Amino acid sequence: MKRIAVEEHFLTEGYKNRLITRKGYPKLEITRDASNQEVVKLWNTPEHFTVQDPVEWNRKLDTGEGRLKEMDAHGIDMQVLLLASTVEQLEREEGIELARSVNDELAAIIKRRPDRFTGLAALPMQEPEAAAKELDRAVNELGLKGAKLHAQVNGEFIDEKKYWIVFETAEKLGVPVFVHPTRPAQQMIKPFLSYFMLDGPIWGFGVSAGLQAIRLIYSGVFDTYPGLKVILGHLGEALPFWLWRMDNRWHRDKMDIHPSTKNLAKKPGEYFKENFWVATSGMFSKSAFLCTYLEMGADRILFAVDYPNELNGEAVKFIEEVQICDRDKEKICHSNAEKLFSLKA
């Protein structure tokens, strides 16, 4: 069965070198420990850094034969590539320039192997008008298939009106935006910092992306741009589990005294089922999958690995073993992605 994996991360040498030479934040520090093992630290602020797995880091940089060999070994026909970091923490002009550079490099990767790779643009969301222009350029000139956004931009949520120009452009172009997790915003992160990795993939990433998705719904952006397409990873960041309760409490508790109640023409869950797609990336739980499948239907689920943070073999084994009909499995593994990203079948 053909498989298109839709949330697969990459880095470029140009991006890596930019982060290494930066004096400000974020910046990259590559050193050696006492046993001469490579240590990769990504500093987000002077007080906070994350230690990157050197093997994973180098796999992100490999968009050639090593990656293709790994894909072939597990029967993955195509990857949709997303930048495994951000450009939006940089100063305005540097962020705009780096986004263009990364997208140009991504387009070159795809041009070498258009049968195996396609991709989503990095956008300088700290400057929304420039981000919208870069999205237009990335789609119309470079042939990219949409954009990767983050759940918040330097502490701001992207449902704020100044970011809507990006959503307007995406709808106009007919391409999706992938809302990717990031650490919770500064104003909400303190309770996450008391325990190991609580601010990251264990819990905080899902909280940030799920909250941003709900805020987008409540903001009314889908009434203004009804054709807007949004992708969430990790089987929808737990939102399929909450849809019934979300709609039930919205209907029962909705009061006209709050301005946000006037934003929506439909229940929150209806927007989720009509404007969102969810990917299997990094969430290889059969029970969680079945919840999502029953709530969303096969047409709204996309196969993904979250490579190299997760393993191709584990993702393929998972999707092969889920107990659904072959027709729905075909949709999830490739035909939904072909339709959403306008790829040749």
Protein backbone atom coordinates (compact mmCIF):
# COMPACT_ATOMS: atom_id res chain seq x y z
CA MET A 1 0.00 0.00 0.00
CA LYS A 2 1.29 3.45 -0.90
CA ARG A 3 2.20 5.64 2.07
CA ILE A 4 2.62 9.42 2.22
CA ALA A 5 3.93 10.64 5.57
CA VAL A 6 2.81 14.22 6.17
CA GLU A 7 4.76 15.49 9.20
CA GLU A 8 8.41 14.72 8.61
CA HIS A 9 11.08 17.10 9.84
CA PHE A 10 14.18 18.42 8.15
CA LEU A 11 16.93 20.97 8.65
CA THR A 12 19.35 22.52 6.19
CA GLU A 13 23.05 23.25 6.51
CA GLY A 14 22.26 26.91 5.89
CA TYR A 15 19.83 27.00 8.80
CA LYS A 16 22.26 25.13 11.05
CA ASN A 17 25.12 27.50 10.22
CA ARG A 18 22.91 30.54 10.83
CA LEU A 19 22.03 29.35 14.32
CA ILE A 20 25.64 28.52 15.14
CA THR A 21 26.90 31.97 14.18
CA ARG A 22 24.10 33.97 15.84
CA LYS A 23 24.94 36.10 18.87
CA GLY A 24 21.33 36.43 19.92
CA TYR A 25 18.67 33.81 20.64
CA PRO A 26 17.79 31.25 19.47
CA LYS A 27 21.26 29.91 18.82
CA LEU A 28 22.93 26.55 18.44
CA GLU A 29 25.89 25.28 20.42
CA ILE A 30 27.71 22.13 19.31
CA THR A 31 30.45 20.85 21.65
CA ARG A 32 32.06 17.60 22.73
CA ASP A 33 31.74 15.97 26.14
CA ALA A 34 34.47 14.21 28.14
CA SER A 35 34.07 11.04 26.06
CA ASN A 36 34.27 13.05 22.80
CA GLN A 37 30.57 12.56 22.08
CA GLU A 38 28.84 15.38 20.23
CA VAL A 39 26.55 17.55 22.38
CA VAL A 40 23.98 19.72 20.59
CA LYS A 41 22.26 22.44 22.62
CA LEU A 42 19.54 24.68 21.19
CA TRP A 43 19.34 27.82 23.33
CA ASN A 44 15.91 29.47 23.13
CA THR A 45 16.66 32.08 25.79
CA PRO A 46 19.69 32.79 28.01
CA GLU A 47 18.01 30.66 30.71
CA HIS A 48 16.56 27.82 28.65
CA PHE A 49 18.05 25.29 26.27
CA THR A 50 17.10 21.87 24.98
CA VAL A 51 19.62 19.11 24.39
CA GLN A 52 19.19 17.69 20.91
CA ASP A 53 19.89 14.03 20.20
CA PRO A 54 22.89 14.18 17.82
CA VAL A 55 21.60 11.18 15.86
CA GLU A 56 18.18 12.78 15.39
CA TRP A 57 19.80 16.14 14.59
CA ASN A 58 21.90 14.60 11.82
CA ARG A 59 18.92 12.69 10.47
CA LYS A 60 17.06 15.98 10.14
CA LEU A 61 19.97 17.35 8.12
CA ASP A 62 19.98 14.31 5.83
CA THR A 63 17.55 14.87 2.96
CA GLY A 64 19.46 12.57 0.61
CA GLU A 65 20.34 8.92 0.36
CA GLY A 66 20.31 8.16 4.09
CA ARG A 67 16.73 9.40 4.48
CA LEU A 68 15.60 7.68 1.28
CA LYS A 69 17.15 4.41 2.40
CA GLU A 70 15.27 4.65 5.70
CA MET A 71 12.02 5.39 3.86
CA ASP A 72 12.54 2.46 1.48
CA ALA A 73 13.26 0.08 4.33
CA HIS A 74 9.78 0.69 5.75
CA GLY A 75 7.70 1.26 2.63
CA ILE A 76 7.22 5.03 2.83
CA ASP A 77 6.79 6.43 -0.67
CA MET A 78 6.79 10.17 0.05
CA GLN A 79 7.45 12.58 2.89
CA VAL A 80 5.92 16.02 3.36
CA LEU A 81 8.86 17.96 4.80
CA LEU A 82 8.52 20.60 7.56
CA LEU A 83 11.31 22.71 9.03
CA ALA A 84 12.22 21.16 12.39
CA SER A 85 12.57 24.54 14.06
CA THR A 86 11.41 28.12 13.69
CA VAL A 87 12.32 31.40 12.04
CA GLU A 88 9.87 33.50 13.98
CA GLN A 89 12.01 34.07 17.08
CA LEU A 90 14.50 36.03 15.01
CA GLU A 91 14.47 39.76 14.40
CA ARG A 92 12.08 40.85 11.66
CA GLU A 93 14.47 41.22 8.72
CA GLU A 94 16.56 38.19 9.65
CA GLY A 95 13.45 36.07 10.01
CA ILE A 96 12.12 37.12 6.62
CA GLU A 97 15.45 36.46 4.93
CA LEU A 98 15.96 33.08 6.64
CA ALA A 99 12.44 31.91 5.77
CA ARG A 100 13.11 32.66 2.10
CA SER A 101 16.46 30.88 2.26
CA VAL A 102 15.02 27.76 3.95
CA ASN A 103 12.13 27.61 1.49
CA ASP A 104 14.50 27.94 -1.45
CA GLU A 105 16.60 25.09 -0.04
CA LEU A 106 13.47 23.00 0.51
CA ALA A 107 12.36 23.59 -3.07
CA ALA A 108 15.80 22.43 -4.26
CA ILE A 109 15.50 19.23 -2.19
CA ILE A 110 12.10 18.53 -3.73
CA LYS A 111 13.35 19.30 -7.25
CA ARG A 112 16.01 16.60 -6.89
CA ARG A 113 13.44 13.96 -5.90
CA PRO A 114 9.90 15.19 -6.65
CA ASP A 115 8.71 11.58 -6.56
CA ARG A 116 9.76 11.24 -2.91
CA PHE A 117 9.46 14.69 -1.31
CA THR A 118 7.14 17.63 -1.13
CA GLY A 119 6.97 20.27 1.60
CA LEU A 120 5.41 23.07 3.59
CA ALA A 121 6.88 26.56 3.82
CA ALA A 122 8.46 28.16 6.86
CA LEU A 123 6.93 31.60 7.46
CA PRO A 124 8.23 34.70 9.31
CA MET A 125 5.08 35.01 11.40
CA GLN A 126 6.60 37.79 13.52
CA GLU A 127 5.78 39.95 10.47
CA PRO A 128 2.35 38.71 9.26
CA GLU A 129 2.23 40.66 6.00
CA ALA A 130 5.68 39.35 5.05
CA ALA A 131 4.55 35.85 6.07
CA ALA A 132 1.55 36.08 3.73
CA LYS A 133 3.77 37.25 0.87
CA GLU A 134 6.23 34.43 1.52
CA LEU A 135 3.40 31.88 1.53
CA ASP A 136 2.25 33.17 -1.84
CA ARG A 137 5.81 33.01 -3.22
CA ALA A 138 6.43 29.55 -1.75
CA VAL A 139 3.28 28.13 -3.37
CA ASN A 140 3.23 29.96 -6.70
CA GLU A 141 6.97 30.17 -7.42
CA LEU A 142 8.49 27.27 -5.49
CA GLY A 143 5.66 24.75 -5.70
CA LEU A 144 5.36 24.15 -1.96
CA LYS A 145 2.05 22.79 -0.71
CA GLY A 146 1.16 25.02 2.24
CA ALA A 147 2.83 26.25 5.42
CA LYS A 148 3.88 25.13 8.86
CA LEU A 149 2.85 27.53 11.63
CA HIS A 150 3.53 27.27 15.34
CA ALA A 151 0.96 27.30 18.10
CA GLN A 152 2.18 30.70 19.25
CA VAL A 153 4.54 33.39 18.00
CA ASN A 154 6.79 34.90 20.66
CA GLY A 155 4.05 34.60 23.25
CA GLU A 156 1.16 35.66 20.98
CA PHE A 157 -1.56 33.33 19.76
CA ILE A 158 -2.07 33.24 16.01
CA ASP A 159 -5.83 33.72 16.25
CA GLU A 160 -5.12 37.43 16.85
CA LYS A 161 -6.50 39.48 13.95
CA LYS A 162 -3.10 40.68 12.75
CA TYR A 163 -2.27 37.08 11.71
CA TRP A 164 -5.46 36.57 9.71
CA ILE A 165 -3.80 37.80 6.52
CA VAL A 166 -1.91 34.50 6.49
CA PHE A 167 -5.14 32.52 6.78
CA GLU A 168 -6.74 34.66 4.09
CA THR A 169 -3.81 33.91 1.79
CA ALA A 170 -3.90 30.18 2.54
CA GLU A 171 -7.61 30.02 1.73
CA LYS A 172 -7.11 32.00 -1.46
CA LEU A 173 -4.31 29.67 -2.55
CA GLY A 174 -6.29 26.58 -1.53
CA VAL A 175 -3.46 25.19 0.61
CA PRO A 176 -3.46 23.92 4.21
CA VAL A 177 -1.59 25.26 7.21
CA PHE A 178 -0.09 22.83 9.70
CA VAL A 179 -0.38 24.16 13.26
CA HIS A 180 2.59 22.56 14.97
CA PRO A 181 3.15 22.34 18.73
CA THR A 182 5.64 24.48 20.57
CA ARG A 183 6.36 25.14 24.23
CA PRO A 184 3.48 26.86 26.03
CA ALA A 185 3.51 30.64 25.88
CA GLN A 186 5.44 32.52 28.57
CA GLN A 187 2.31 33.61 30.41
CA MET A 188 1.22 29.98 30.96
CA ILE A 189 4.44 27.97 31.12
CA LYS A 190 5.38 28.24 34.81
CA PRO A 191 3.29 25.27 36.05
CA PHE A 192 4.89 23.08 33.36
CA LEU A 193 8.45 23.68 34.49
CA SER A 194 8.38 21.84 37.82
CA TYR A 195 8.73 18.39 36.28
CA PHE A 196 10.84 16.72 33.62
CA MET A 197 9.75 17.54 30.04
CA LEU A 198 6.26 18.52 31.15
CA ASP A 199 6.57 21.60 28.92
CA GLY A 200 7.51 19.46 25.91
CA PRO A 201 6.18 16.40 24.07
CA ILE A 202 4.90 14.70 27.23
CA TRP A 203 2.16 17.32 27.78
CA GLY A 204 2.98 20.96 27.04
CA PHE A 205 3.28 20.61 23.26
CA GLY A 206 -0.18 19.09 22.99
CA VAL A 207 -1.67 21.67 25.33
CA SER A 208 -0.25 24.56 23.29
CA ALA A 209 -1.41 23.22 19.91
CA GLY A 210 -4.80 22.07 21.17
CA LEU A 211 -5.46 25.40 22.85
CA GLN A 212 -4.46 27.25 19.71
CA ALA A 213 -6.83 25.14 17.61
CA ILE A 214 -9.75 25.90 19.94
CA ARG A 215 -8.85 29.60 19.94
CA LEU A 216 -8.87 29.61 16.14
CA ILE A 217 -12.36 28.11 16.20
CA TYR A 218 -13.65 30.58 18.80
CA SER A 219 -12.07 33.52 16.98
CA GLY A 220 -14.48 33.15 14.07
CA VAL A 221 -11.71 32.78 11.49
CA PHE A 222 -13.52 29.85 9.84
CA ASP A 223 -16.67 31.89 9.30
CA THR A 224 -14.58 34.59 7.65
CA TYR A 225 -12.51 32.06 5.67
CA PRO A 226 -14.73 28.95 5.41
CA GLY A 227 -12.34 27.26 2.99
CA LEU A 228 -9.38 27.43 5.38
CA LYS A 229 -7.73 24.03 5.92
CA VAL A 230 -5.81 23.29 9.13
CA ILE A 231 -3.78 20.20 10.01
CA LEU A 232 -2.96 19.07 13.54
CA GLY A 233 -0.52 16.31 14.39
CA HIS A 234 -0.69 13.64 17.10
CA LEU A 235 -4.24 12.57 16.26
CA GLY A 236 -5.57 16.08 16.79
CA GLU A 237 -3.81 16.96 20.08
CA ALA A 238 -6.54 15.15 22.10
CA LEU A 239 -9.36 17.34 20.72
CA PRO A 240 -11.34 14.47 19.12
CA PHE A 241 -11.76 13.06 22.63
CA TRP A 242 -13.25 16.38 23.80
CA LEU A 243 -15.59 17.20 20.88
CA TRP A 244 -18.79 15.91 22.42
CA ARG A 245 -18.24 17.74 25.70
CA MET A 246 -17.06 20.85 23.91
CA ASP A 247 -20.26 21.07 21.89
CA ASN A 248 -22.48 20.03 24.78
CA ARG A 249 -21.18 22.73 27.11
CA TRP A 250 -21.14 25.31 24.33
CA HIS A 251 -24.83 24.63 23.68
CA ARG A 252 -25.82 24.49 27.36
CA ASP A 253 -23.69 27.30 28.75
CA LYS A 254 -23.57 29.71 25.79
CA MET A 255 -24.54 33.18 26.92
CA ASP A 256 -24.73 36.37 24.87
CA ILE A 257 -22.83 38.39 27.47
CA HIS A 258 -19.43 37.28 26.13
CA PRO A 259 -18.35 38.67 22.72
CA SER A 260 -16.84 35.36 21.61
CA THR A 261 -20.28 33.71 21.61
CA LYS A 262 -21.23 35.95 18.68
CA ASN A 263 -18.29 34.72 16.57
CA LEU A 264 -19.61 31.30 15.72
CA ALA A 265 -22.40 30.31 13.38
CA LYS A 266 -21.97 26.63 14.27
CA LYS A 267 -20.91 24.49 17.21
CA PRO A 268 -17.13 24.30 17.82
CA GLY A 269 -17.00 20.61 16.92
CA GLU A 270 -18.60 21.24 13.55
CA TYR A 271 -15.73 23.52 12.56
CA PHE A 272 -13.25 20.92 13.76
CA LYS A 273 -14.83 18.23 11.59
CA GLU A 274 -15.15 20.50 8.55
CA ASN A 275 -11.94 22.56 8.59
CA PHE A 276 -9.37 20.30 10.29
CA TRP A 277 -7.38 17.24 9.35
CA VAL A 278 -5.40 15.24 11.90
CA ALA A 279 -2.22 13.22 11.41
CA THR A 280 -1.14 10.04 13.14
CA SER A 281 2.33 11.51 13.84
CA GLY A 282 3.87 10.34 17.10
CA MET A 283 0.62 8.90 18.45
CA PHE A 284 0.65 5.18 17.76
CA SER A 285 -2.12 4.18 20.14
CA LYS A 286 -4.86 2.00 18.68
CA SER A 287 -7.46 3.13 21.21
CA ALA A 288 -6.67 6.82 20.59
CA PHE A 289 -6.81 6.17 16.85
CA LEU A 290 -10.22 4.51 17.11
CA CYS A 291 -11.59 7.46 19.08
CA THR A 292 -10.33 9.82 16.36
CA TYR A 293 -11.58 7.56 13.57
CA LEU A 294 -15.08 7.34 15.07
CA GLU A 295 -15.28 11.09 15.70
CA MET A 296 -13.63 12.40 12.51
CA GLY A 297 -14.08 9.68 9.92
CA ALA A 298 -11.41 8.28 7.61
CA ASP A 299 -11.51 11.27 5.25
CA ARG A 300 -9.96 13.55 7.88
CA ILE A 301 -7.02 11.41 9.02
CA LEU A 302 -3.54 11.49 7.47
CA PHE A 303 -0.69 9.06 7.94
CA ALA A 304 2.48 10.56 9.48
CA VAL A 305 5.53 9.46 11.42
CA ASP A 306 7.03 12.60 13.01
CA TYR A 307 10.41 11.49 11.67
CA PRO A 308 13.09 11.45 13.00
CA ASN A 309 11.57 12.11 16.42
CA GLU A 310 9.67 8.84 15.92
CA LEU A 311 10.58 5.72 13.98
CA ASN A 312 9.30 4.94 10.49
CA GLY A 313 8.99 1.24 11.25
CA GLU A 314 6.88 1.82 14.35
CA ALA A 315 4.50 4.14 12.48
CA VAL A 316 4.06 1.72 9.58
CA LYS A 317 3.51 -1.26 11.87
CA PHE A 318 0.88 0.74 13.74
CA ILE A 319 -1.13 1.74 10.67
CA GLU A 320 -0.91 -1.78 9.24
CA GLU A 321 -2.36 -3.27 12.41
CA VAL A 322 -5.32 -0.93 13.03
CA GLN A 323 -8.58 -2.80 12.46
CA ILE A 324 -10.30 -0.77 9.75
CA CYS A 325 -11.35 -1.61 6.21
CA ASP A 326 -8.81 -1.46 3.38
CA ARG A 327 -10.66 1.37 1.65
CA ASP A 328 -10.35 3.63 4.70
CA LYS A 329 -6.75 2.58 5.20
CA GLU A 330 -5.99 3.65 1.61
CA LYS A 331 -7.49 7.07 2.35
CA ILE A 332 -5.43 7.53 5.48
CA CYS A 333 -2.18 6.21 4.01
CA HIS A 334 -2.19 8.24 0.81
CA SER A 335 -5.36 9.37 -0.97
CA ASN A 336 -6.38 11.98 1.62
CA ALA A 337 -2.90 13.52 1.38
CA GLU A 338 -2.98 13.42 -2.42
CA LYS A 339 -6.23 15.37 -2.38
CA LEU A 340 -5.29 17.83 0.38
CA PHE A 341 -1.87 18.66 -1.08
CA SER A 342 -2.90 18.38 -4.74
CA LEU A 343 -0.46 15.56 -5.43
CA LYS A 344 -0.58 13.17 -8.35
CA ALA A 345 -2.18 9.86 -7.40
